[in-house]
N, C-alpha and C. Protein backbone atom coordinates (compact mmCIF):
# COMPACT_ATOMS: atom_id res chain seq x y z
N MET A 1 3.77 -18.37 -4.38
CA MET A 1 2.54 -17.43 -4.65
C MET A 1 2.38 -16.49 -4.57
N ILE A 2 2.36 -15.30 -4.67
CA ILE A 2 2.59 -13.81 -3.77
C ILE A 2 1.73 -13.52 -3.09
N ASP A 3 1.90 -13.51 -1.10
CA ASP A 3 1.07 -12.58 -0.53
C ASP A 3 0.77 -11.45 -0.43
N ARG A 4 -0.21 -10.76 -1.24
CA ARG A 4 -0.57 -9.48 -1.64
C ARG A 4 -0.90 -8.37 -0.11
N THR A 5 -1.31 -9.65 0.31
CA THR A 5 -2.19 -8.55 2.08
C THR A 5 -0.67 -8.14 2.38
N GLU A 6 0.64 -8.95 2.46
CA GLU A 6 1.89 -9.23 3.59
C GLU A 6 2.66 -7.96 2.63
N LEU A 7 2.94 -8.24 0.75
CA LEU A 7 3.36 -7.33 0.16
C LEU A 7 2.79 -5.59 0.54
N LEU A 8 1.50 -5.43 -0.06
CA LEU A 8 1.06 -4.16 1.03
C LEU A 8 1.04 -3.91 2.85
N SER A 9 1.27 -4.64 3.27
CA SER A 9 2.25 -4.01 4.97
C SER A 9 3.75 -3.79 4.69
N ARG A 10 3.95 -4.74 3.92
CA ARG A 10 5.85 -4.76 3.89
C ARG A 10 5.62 -3.19 3.60
N PHE A 11 4.80 -2.91 2.50
CA PHE A 11 4.76 -1.50 1.67
C PHE A 11 5.08 -0.27 2.51
N SER A 12 3.65 -0.88 3.56
CA SER A 12 3.76 0.22 3.85
C SER A 12 4.36 0.63 5.39
N ILE A 13 5.01 -0.89 5.90
CA ILE A 13 6.60 -0.56 6.77
C ILE A 13 7.27 0.28 6.15
N MET A 14 7.29 0.28 4.91
CA MET A 14 8.68 0.43 4.31
C MET A 14 8.69 1.87 4.34
N LEU A 15 7.28 2.12 4.40
CA LEU A 15 7.23 4.19 4.15
C LEU A 15 6.76 4.91 5.51
N ASP A 16 7.22 3.67 6.71
CA ASP A 16 7.17 4.41 8.15
C ASP A 16 5.10 4.35 8.17
N GLY A 17 4.12 3.71 7.43
CA GLY A 17 3.35 2.93 8.19
C GLY A 17 2.04 3.91 6.89
N ILE A 18 2.10 5.20 6.51
CA ILE A 18 1.47 5.41 5.14
C ILE A 18 0.54 4.65 4.47
N PRO A 19 -0.91 5.38 4.88
CA PRO A 19 -1.61 4.42 3.78
C PRO A 19 -1.47 3.68 2.40
N VAL A 20 -1.15 2.45 2.16
CA VAL A 20 -0.85 2.21 0.36
C VAL A 20 -2.40 1.11 0.04
N ARG A 21 -2.54 0.62 -1.33
CA ARG A 21 -4.20 0.32 -1.58
C ARG A 21 -3.23 -0.84 -2.60
N TRP A 22 -3.83 -1.44 -2.55
CA TRP A 22 -4.16 -1.80 -4.05
C TRP A 22 -5.31 -1.16 -5.50
N THR A 23 -4.72 -1.03 -6.14
CA THR A 23 -5.51 -0.71 -7.45
C THR A 23 -7.06 -0.96 -7.55
N ASP A 24 -8.60 -0.39 -7.47
CA ASP A 24 -9.63 -0.90 -7.58
C ASP A 24 -10.33 -0.25 -7.82
N GLU A 25 -11.48 -0.35 -7.73
CA GLU A 25 -12.20 0.60 -8.62
C GLU A 25 -13.32 1.75 -7.76
N THR A 26 -12.84 1.51 -6.76
CA THR A 26 -13.44 3.01 -5.46
C THR A 26 -11.88 3.79 -6.02
N ILE A 27 -10.90 3.39 -6.49
CA ILE A 27 -9.85 4.37 -6.84
C ILE A 27 -9.63 5.09 -8.08
N THR A 28 -9.30 3.96 -9.54
CA THR A 28 -9.70 4.16 -10.35
C THR A 28 -11.09 4.04 -11.17
N ARG A 29 -11.17 3.95 -11.95
CA ARG A 29 -12.36 4.10 -13.48
C ARG A 29 -11.27 3.77 -14.28
N GLY A 30 -11.86 2.44 -14.53
CA GLY A 30 -11.56 1.90 -15.94
C GLY A 30 -10.57 0.61 -16.43
N ASP A 31 -10.14 0.25 -16.67
CA ASP A 31 -9.35 -0.97 -16.85
C ASP A 31 -7.82 -0.48 -17.66
N PHE A 32 -6.27 -0.99 -17.57
CA PHE A 32 -5.51 -0.72 -17.42
C PHE A 32 -5.07 -1.80 -17.44
N ASP A 33 -3.74 -1.59 -18.72
CA ASP A 33 -2.31 -2.81 -18.21
C ASP A 33 -1.84 -2.71 -17.15
N GLY A 34 -1.74 -3.79 -15.85
CA GLY A 34 -0.75 -3.76 -15.23
C GLY A 34 -1.59 -3.54 -13.83
N ARG A 35 -3.11 -2.89 -14.04
CA ARG A 35 -3.68 -2.30 -12.67
C ARG A 35 -3.58 -3.53 -11.06
N ASP A 36 -3.49 -5.00 -11.76
CA ASP A 36 -4.15 -6.26 -10.65
C ASP A 36 -2.75 -5.62 -9.77
N TRP A 37 -1.09 -4.96 -10.48
CA TRP A 37 -0.49 -5.26 -10.05
C TRP A 37 0.11 -3.92 -9.43
N THR A 38 -0.77 -2.70 -9.78
CA THR A 38 -0.95 -1.41 -8.98
C THR A 38 -1.29 -1.39 -8.07
N VAL A 39 -0.22 0.31 -6.68
CA VAL A 39 -0.82 0.15 -5.71
C VAL A 39 -0.24 1.80 -5.65
N ASP A 40 -1.66 1.94 -5.23
CA ASP A 40 -1.57 3.50 -4.77
C ASP A 40 -1.49 3.79 -3.80
N VAL A 41 -0.14 4.57 -3.37
CA VAL A 41 0.58 5.52 -2.17
C VAL A 41 -0.43 6.54 -1.75
N PHE A 42 -0.64 7.01 -0.95
CA PHE A 42 -1.36 7.95 -0.64
C PHE A 42 -0.30 8.89 0.95
N ASP A 43 -0.28 10.55 0.48
CA ASP A 43 -0.13 11.06 1.99
C ASP A 43 1.38 10.94 1.28
N VAL A 44 1.89 11.34 0.45
CA VAL A 44 3.57 11.74 -0.28
C VAL A 44 3.61 13.23 -1.07
N PRO A 45 3.99 14.12 -0.11
CA PRO A 45 3.88 14.94 -1.29
C PRO A 45 4.81 14.69 -2.08
N ALA A 46 4.91 15.96 -3.39
CA ALA A 46 5.65 15.78 -4.70
C ALA A 46 6.89 15.57 -4.07
N SER A 47 7.51 16.14 -3.27
CA SER A 47 8.81 16.28 -3.12
C SER A 47 9.71 15.59 -2.62
N GLU A 48 9.11 14.64 -1.97
CA GLU A 48 9.03 12.82 -1.18
C GLU A 48 9.16 11.69 -2.21
N GLN A 49 8.03 11.94 -3.13
CA GLN A 49 8.28 11.15 -3.85
C GLN A 49 9.62 10.02 -4.15
N ARG A 50 10.29 10.99 -5.04
CA ARG A 50 11.29 9.86 -5.43
C ARG A 50 11.94 9.23 -4.07
N ALA A 51 11.52 9.93 -3.35
CA ALA A 51 13.06 8.85 -2.29
C ALA A 51 11.76 7.78 -1.59
N ALA A 52 10.94 8.43 -1.82
CA ALA A 52 9.72 6.89 -1.12
C ALA A 52 9.94 5.54 -2.21
N VAL A 53 10.32 6.26 -3.79
CA VAL A 53 10.36 5.28 -5.00
C VAL A 53 11.90 4.69 -4.47
N ALA A 54 13.04 4.54 -4.31
CA ALA A 54 13.79 4.61 -3.71
C ALA A 54 14.50 3.49 -2.67
N ARG A 55 13.15 3.52 -1.63
CA ARG A 55 12.94 3.02 -0.62
C ARG A 55 12.31 1.69 -1.13
N LEU A 56 11.28 1.87 -1.87
CA LEU A 56 10.06 1.29 -2.58
C LEU A 56 10.98 -0.24 -3.32
N TRP A 57 12.07 0.46 -4.11
CA TRP A 57 12.62 -0.50 -5.44
C TRP A 57 13.37 -1.51 -4.54
N PRO A 58 13.95 -2.19 -3.86
CA PRO A 58 15.07 -3.23 -3.52
C PRO A 58 13.60 -4.12 -3.46
N LEU A 59 12.40 -4.29 -2.89
CA LEU A 59 11.24 -4.99 -2.96
C LEU A 59 10.66 -4.82 -3.96
N ARG A 60 10.20 -4.24 -5.27
CA ARG A 60 10.25 -4.25 -6.63
C ARG A 60 10.42 -5.46 -7.25
N LYS A 61 11.64 -5.25 -7.11
CA LYS A 61 12.89 -5.41 -7.54
C LYS A 61 12.76 -7.02 -7.62
N SER A 62 12.49 -7.33 -5.80
CA SER A 62 12.56 -8.82 -5.45
C SER A 62 11.61 -9.03 -6.15
N VAL A 63 10.32 -8.68 -6.16
CA VAL A 63 9.09 -9.49 -6.50
C VAL A 63 9.30 -9.55 -7.29
N ARG A 64 9.61 -8.20 -8.68
CA ARG A 64 9.63 -9.27 -10.66
C ARG A 64 10.29 -10.12 -10.45
N ARG A 65 11.93 -10.29 -10.15
CA ARG A 65 12.85 -10.92 -9.71
C ARG A 65 12.77 -12.47 -9.74
N GLU A 66 12.07 -12.66 -8.56
CA GLU A 66 11.22 -14.12 -7.95
C GLU A 66 10.26 -14.26 -8.58
N HIS A 67 9.23 -13.51 -8.66
CA HIS A 67 7.86 -13.90 -9.07
C HIS A 67 7.77 -12.89 -10.66
N GLY A 68 7.88 -12.23 -11.34
CA GLY A 68 7.90 -11.99 -12.83
C GLY A 68 6.98 -10.88 -13.47
N VAL A 69 6.74 -10.78 -12.28
CA VAL A 69 5.10 -8.91 -11.81
C VAL A 69 6.00 -7.95 -11.62
N ASP A 70 5.77 -7.36 -12.65
CA ASP A 70 6.07 -6.10 -12.59
C ASP A 70 5.10 -4.65 -11.82
N LEU A 71 5.53 -4.37 -10.68
CA LEU A 71 4.28 -3.25 -9.87
C LEU A 71 4.40 -2.14 -10.29
N THR A 72 3.84 -1.17 -9.88
CA THR A 72 3.29 0.11 -10.88
C THR A 72 3.16 0.31 -9.90
N PHE A 73 4.16 1.81 -8.92
CA PHE A 73 2.71 2.29 -7.80
C PHE A 73 2.85 4.23 -8.68
N VAL A 74 1.23 4.30 -7.66
CA VAL A 74 0.83 5.24 -8.01
C VAL A 74 0.79 5.73 -6.81
N PHE A 75 1.44 7.22 -6.61
CA PHE A 75 1.62 8.51 -5.16
C PHE A 75 0.56 9.13 -5.19
N HIS A 76 -0.35 9.52 -4.30
CA HIS A 76 -0.93 11.13 -3.56
C HIS A 76 -0.94 11.70 -3.60
N THR A 77 -0.29 13.14 -3.40
CA THR A 77 -0.19 14.06 -2.61
C THR A 77 -0.95 14.05 -1.37
N PRO A 78 -0.59 14.70 -0.47
CA PRO A 78 -1.73 14.52 1.13
C PRO A 78 -2.81 15.97 0.57
N GLU A 79 -2.29 16.67 -0.48
CA GLU A 79 -3.80 17.78 -0.53
C GLU A 79 -4.34 16.76 -1.71
N ALA A 80 -4.07 15.96 -2.94
CA ALA A 80 -5.09 14.61 -3.33
C ALA A 80 -5.56 13.90 -2.36
N THR A 81 -5.04 13.45 -1.32
CA THR A 81 -5.73 12.40 -0.36
C THR A 81 -7.04 12.82 0.20
N THR A 82 -6.66 14.38 0.70
CA THR A 82 -8.01 15.27 1.34
C THR A 82 -9.15 15.39 0.45
N ALA A 83 -8.55 15.94 -0.75
CA ALA A 83 -9.30 16.19 -1.87
C ALA A 83 -10.12 14.43 -2.29
N HIS A 84 -9.99 13.38 -2.56
CA HIS A 84 -10.38 12.78 -3.44
C HIS A 84 -10.36 11.83 -2.35
N TYR A 85 -9.59 11.40 -1.60
CA TYR A 85 -9.57 10.47 -0.76
C TYR A 85 -9.03 9.75 0.43
N ALA A 86 -9.94 10.39 1.58
CA ALA A 86 -9.73 10.97 2.27
C ALA A 86 -10.12 10.30 3.26
N TRP A 87 -11.36 9.08 3.27
CA TRP A 87 -11.49 7.95 3.60
C TRP A 87 -10.29 6.71 3.94
N VAL A 88 -9.37 6.85 3.52
CA VAL A 88 -8.41 5.95 2.98
C VAL A 88 -7.91 6.31 4.31
N ARG A 89 -7.87 6.60 5.15
CA ARG A 89 -7.14 7.62 5.97
C ARG A 89 -8.51 6.76 7.30
N GLN A 90 -9.42 6.62 7.28
CA GLN A 90 -10.59 6.28 8.17
C GLN A 90 -10.26 4.52 8.75
N THR A 91 -8.91 3.71 8.10
CA THR A 91 -9.27 2.52 7.51
C THR A 91 -7.56 2.56 8.56
N GLN A 92 -7.70 1.78 9.67
CA GLN A 92 -6.19 1.95 10.87
C GLN A 92 -5.58 0.89 10.48
N PRO A 93 -3.86 0.26 10.57
CA PRO A 93 -3.46 -0.70 10.41
C PRO A 93 -2.98 -1.10 11.56
N LEU A 94 -3.65 -2.12 11.55
CA LEU A 94 -2.80 -3.59 13.66
C LEU A 94 -2.60 -4.12 13.20
N PRO A 95 -1.70 -4.09 13.66
CA PRO A 95 0.17 -4.97 13.68
C PRO A 95 -0.49 -6.21 14.31
N ILE A 96 -0.49 -7.22 13.88
CA ILE A 96 -0.33 -9.00 14.32
C ILE A 96 0.43 -9.18 14.13
N PRO A 97 1.37 -10.24 14.08
CA PRO A 97 2.52 -11.29 14.19
C PRO A 97 2.21 -12.38 13.47
N VAL A 98 3.18 -12.14 12.59
CA VAL A 98 2.73 -13.47 11.87
C VAL A 98 4.17 -15.06 12.14
N MET A 99 3.11 -15.55 12.92
CA MET A 99 3.92 -16.58 13.12
C MET A 99 5.52 -17.24 11.76
N GLY A 100 6.49 -16.95 12.68
CA GLY A 100 7.75 -17.51 12.12
C GLY A 100 7.71 -16.74 10.84
N ALA A 101 7.26 -15.45 10.84
CA ALA A 101 7.75 -14.50 9.36
C ALA A 101 8.93 -14.27 9.83
N GLY A 102 8.06 -13.13 10.77
CA GLY A 102 9.55 -11.99 11.48
C GLY A 102 8.38 -10.36 10.65
N LEU A 103 7.95 -11.08 10.34
CA LEU A 103 7.22 -9.58 9.43
C LEU A 103 5.62 -9.31 10.43
N LEU A 104 4.92 -7.90 10.21
CA LEU A 104 4.04 -7.63 11.15
C LEU A 104 3.46 -7.69 9.48
N ARG A 105 1.65 -8.41 10.08
CA ARG A 105 0.81 -8.09 8.78
C ARG A 105 -0.05 -7.80 9.92
N PRO A 106 -1.37 -6.51 8.91
CA PRO A 106 -2.14 -5.29 9.47
C PRO A 106 -3.43 -6.11 9.25
N THR A 107 -4.46 -5.47 10.17
CA THR A 107 -5.65 -5.97 9.44
C THR A 107 -6.36 -4.75 10.13
N PHE A 108 -7.00 -4.63 8.60
CA PHE A 108 -7.71 -3.16 8.80
C PHE A 108 -8.77 -2.98 9.64
N VAL A 109 -9.18 -2.14 10.18
CA VAL A 109 -10.44 -2.17 10.07
C VAL A 109 -10.87 -0.48 10.39
N GLN A 110 -12.34 -0.78 10.51
CA GLN A 110 -12.64 1.12 10.70
C GLN A 110 -12.81 1.54 11.61
N ILE A 111 -12.24 2.68 12.19
CA ILE A 111 -11.61 3.67 13.16
C ILE A 111 -12.85 3.53 13.95
N GLY A 112 -13.56 3.13 15.19
CA GLY A 112 -14.71 2.86 15.91
C GLY A 112 -15.38 1.30 15.81
N ASP A 113 -14.97 1.09 15.29
CA ASP A 113 -16.16 -0.17 14.63
C ASP A 113 -15.57 -0.98 16.46
N SER A 114 -16.85 -1.53 16.18
CA SER A 114 -16.92 -2.25 17.78
C SER A 114 -16.56 -3.67 17.86
N HIS A 115 -16.75 -3.70 16.89
CA HIS A 115 -15.81 -5.68 16.08
C HIS A 115 -14.72 -5.85 16.64
N ALA A 116 -13.68 -4.80 16.18
CA ALA A 116 -11.99 -4.19 15.93
C ALA A 116 -11.21 -5.49 17.30
N PRO A 117 -10.07 -6.02 17.21
CA PRO A 117 -9.38 -6.38 17.77
C PRO A 117 -8.97 -5.97 19.28
């Protein structure tokens, strides 16, 4: 079974910590084939999107080979992020070690949240 939270964490780490989210009703309207496995990637200038795809490709390929899942990435430029999705910048990943995995898994909290760890 794929740990979707861990996958998002790995994608974000591979892209130097930029915001990434699974596509949901807060980002897109309607339904489409593959929506369950679509990742929105924010704040990537158009000129850097091909390089971002190249950085994500090895993990995408691994997920497909091991789990039979095709991932889709939807990139949003900084301008589009500001205009339509500025709220994604209001979540801040806090890395927490995952025992034995050698990876970091973020916990997302609202900035200014008094209940943040």
